Structure formats: structure tokens, C-alpha cells
Amino acid sequence: MVEMAIVLPVLMLLVFGTIEFGRLYNAQVTLTHAAREGIRDYAIHQDSSQAEGVARDAASPTLVTTQMAFATSACDPGDPATMTITYPFSMAIPFFQSDIVTLSGEGVMRCGG
């Protein structure tokens, strides 16, 4: 019983830490995918509000899209344009203080003429 009381908190920390790392990694991959989709639309249509909508749609099943912040560079024909999306991710491990990590995803694509 004493051994279980000593080992159980460490084991639970490892299990919940692994789960939270998986959630964080999934959010990072989703954010990068959304930035790529958004910059692809921006490079073709050169409309930043439409590109942000495309990026929000790409991230909507996984992330809360109202918390996403966008930064898009100018789109001159032949030059690369970038879209950077930042997102505050809240880690929730039981019995520990909830920490917020700011994730960012970036997409780069050459603008069309």
C-alpha cells in the first residue's frame, strides 16, 4: 500500500503528461496545416480575409478558431508571402497549475501574378 502511494503520483504524472503532449503536438500540426491552406488561398486570390477564413475552416474541428491570431505579409507577384498563425494552448494536467503555451504555425508560398 505504501509503495503504491509513492509510485502512483509519478505514474499519473507520466500518463497525463504523455496525453497532454499528444494534444499539444496535434494542435501544432493542425495550426501548421491551417497556415499552409490559408497562404495557398492568399497566394492565388490575394484576399487576406478570405485566406483567414480558409485557415479557420482548416483548423475548426480541432482548435477554437476565435482564439487564432493572423499575420500575413504582402503578396507581390513572384515573391514569397507568409502567413503566421498564433494560438494560445492550455495544458491541463490534474493537480498541477494549468499553463498556457503559445503555439505558432507558418505557411510560405510564392504569389501568383
Protein backbone atom coordinates (compact mmCIF):
# COMPACT_ATOMS: atom_id res chain seq x y z
CA MET A 1 0.00 0.00 0.00
CA VAL A 2 2.85 2.39 0.86
CA GLU A 3 4.68 1.59 -2.36
CA MET A 4 1.54 2.27 -4.36
CA ALA A 5 1.10 5.63 -2.62
CA ILE A 6 4.66 6.57 -3.58
CA VAL A 7 4.61 5.31 -7.18
CA LEU A 8 1.04 6.29 -8.20
CA PRO A 9 1.58 10.10 -8.36
CA VAL A 10 4.66 9.70 -10.54
CA LEU A 11 2.87 7.22 -12.79
CA MET A 12 -0.17 9.50 -13.13
CA LEU A 13 2.08 12.45 -13.96
CA LEU A 14 3.73 10.43 -16.72
CA VAL A 15 0.40 9.27 -18.14
CA PHE A 16 -1.26 12.71 -18.13
CA GLY A 17 1.95 14.35 -19.37
CA THR A 18 2.01 11.98 -22.33
CA ILE A 19 -1.64 12.70 -23.10
CA GLU A 20 -1.10 16.48 -22.92
CA PHE A 21 1.99 16.27 -25.12
CA GLY A 22 -0.09 14.39 -27.70
CA ARG A 23 -2.78 17.09 -27.59
CA LEU A 24 -0.14 19.82 -27.92
CA TYR A 25 1.50 18.10 -30.89
CA ASN A 26 -1.86 17.62 -32.58
CA ALA A 27 -2.66 21.32 -32.13
CA GLN A 28 0.74 22.29 -33.58
CA VAL A 29 0.29 20.09 -36.66
CA THR A 30 -3.25 21.43 -37.17
CA LEU A 31 -2.02 25.02 -36.86
CA THR A 32 0.73 24.48 -39.42
CA HIS A 33 -1.73 22.81 -41.79
CA ALA A 34 -4.17 25.72 -41.41
CA ALA A 35 -1.40 28.24 -42.17
CA ARG A 36 -0.46 26.33 -45.33
CA GLU A 37 -4.07 26.19 -46.50
CA GLY A 38 -4.56 29.88 -45.77
CA ILE A 39 -1.41 31.04 -47.56
CA ARG A 40 -2.24 28.87 -50.57
CA ASP A 41 -5.58 30.68 -50.93
CA TYR A 42 -3.91 34.06 -50.30
CA ALA A 43 -1.27 33.43 -52.98
CA ILE A 44 -3.97 32.70 -55.55
CA HIS A 45 -6.71 35.20 -54.69
CA GLN A 46 -4.71 37.86 -52.76
CA ASP A 47 -7.58 38.45 -50.32
CA SER A 48 -6.38 38.22 -46.71
CA SER A 49 -9.85 37.98 -45.13
CA GLN A 50 -10.79 35.08 -47.42
CA ALA A 51 -7.45 33.40 -46.64
CA GLU A 52 -8.08 33.74 -42.90
CA GLY A 53 -11.49 32.13 -43.40
CA VAL A 54 -9.90 29.22 -45.26
CA ALA A 55 -7.35 28.81 -42.46
CA ARG A 56 -10.07 28.92 -39.80
CA ASP A 57 -12.05 26.27 -41.70
CA ALA A 58 -8.96 24.05 -41.88
CA ALA A 59 -8.41 24.30 -38.11
CA SER A 60 -12.03 24.35 -36.95
CA PRO A 61 -12.57 20.71 -35.96
CA THR A 62 -9.58 20.72 -33.61
CA LEU A 63 -8.92 24.30 -32.45
CA VAL A 64 -11.08 27.15 -31.17
CA THR A 65 -10.80 29.45 -34.16
CA THR A 66 -11.80 32.62 -32.31
CA GLN A 67 -8.52 32.46 -30.38
CA MET A 68 -6.34 32.39 -33.51
CA ALA A 69 -4.34 35.50 -34.43
CA PHE A 70 -3.15 36.04 -38.01
CA ALA A 71 -0.21 37.91 -39.53
CA THR A 72 0.10 37.94 -43.31
CA SER A 73 2.86 39.54 -45.37
CA ALA A 74 2.38 41.41 -48.64
CA CYS A 75 1.74 39.36 -51.76
CA ASP A 76 3.84 40.71 -54.64
CA PRO A 77 3.80 38.55 -57.80
CA GLY A 78 6.78 36.21 -57.86
CA ASP A 79 7.77 36.87 -54.22
CA PRO A 80 7.00 34.54 -51.32
CA ALA A 81 4.21 35.52 -48.95
CA THR A 82 3.92 34.20 -45.39
CA MET A 83 1.02 33.62 -43.06
CA THR A 84 1.74 33.14 -39.37
CA ILE A 85 -0.98 31.96 -37.03
CA THR A 86 -0.55 32.11 -33.25
CA TYR A 87 -2.75 30.20 -30.84
CA PRO A 88 -2.80 30.01 -27.01
CA PHE A 89 -2.86 26.35 -25.97
CA SER A 90 -3.87 25.48 -22.42
CA MET A 91 -2.25 22.42 -20.89
CA ALA A 92 -4.41 20.72 -18.27
CA ILE A 93 -2.60 18.19 -16.10
CA PRO A 94 -4.58 17.23 -12.97
CA PHE A 95 -3.20 18.54 -9.66
CA PHE A 96 -0.87 20.98 -11.46
CA GLN A 97 -1.29 24.60 -12.40
CA SER A 98 -2.74 24.99 -15.88
CA ASP A 99 -0.11 26.51 -18.16
CA ILE A 100 -0.73 28.34 -21.43
CA VAL A 101 1.72 27.76 -24.26
CA THR A 102 1.64 29.98 -27.34
CA LEU A 103 1.88 27.90 -30.49
CA SER A 104 2.58 29.30 -33.93
CA GLY A 105 2.27 27.84 -37.39
CA GLU A 106 3.70 29.36 -40.54
CA GLY A 107 2.98 28.83 -44.20
CA VAL A 108 5.03 30.22 -47.08
CA MET A 109 4.05 30.26 -50.74
CA ARG A 110 5.09 32.17 -53.85
CA CYS A 111 2.44 34.64 -55.00
CA GLY A 112 0.90 34.27 -58.43
CA GLY A 113 0.79 37.07 -60.97
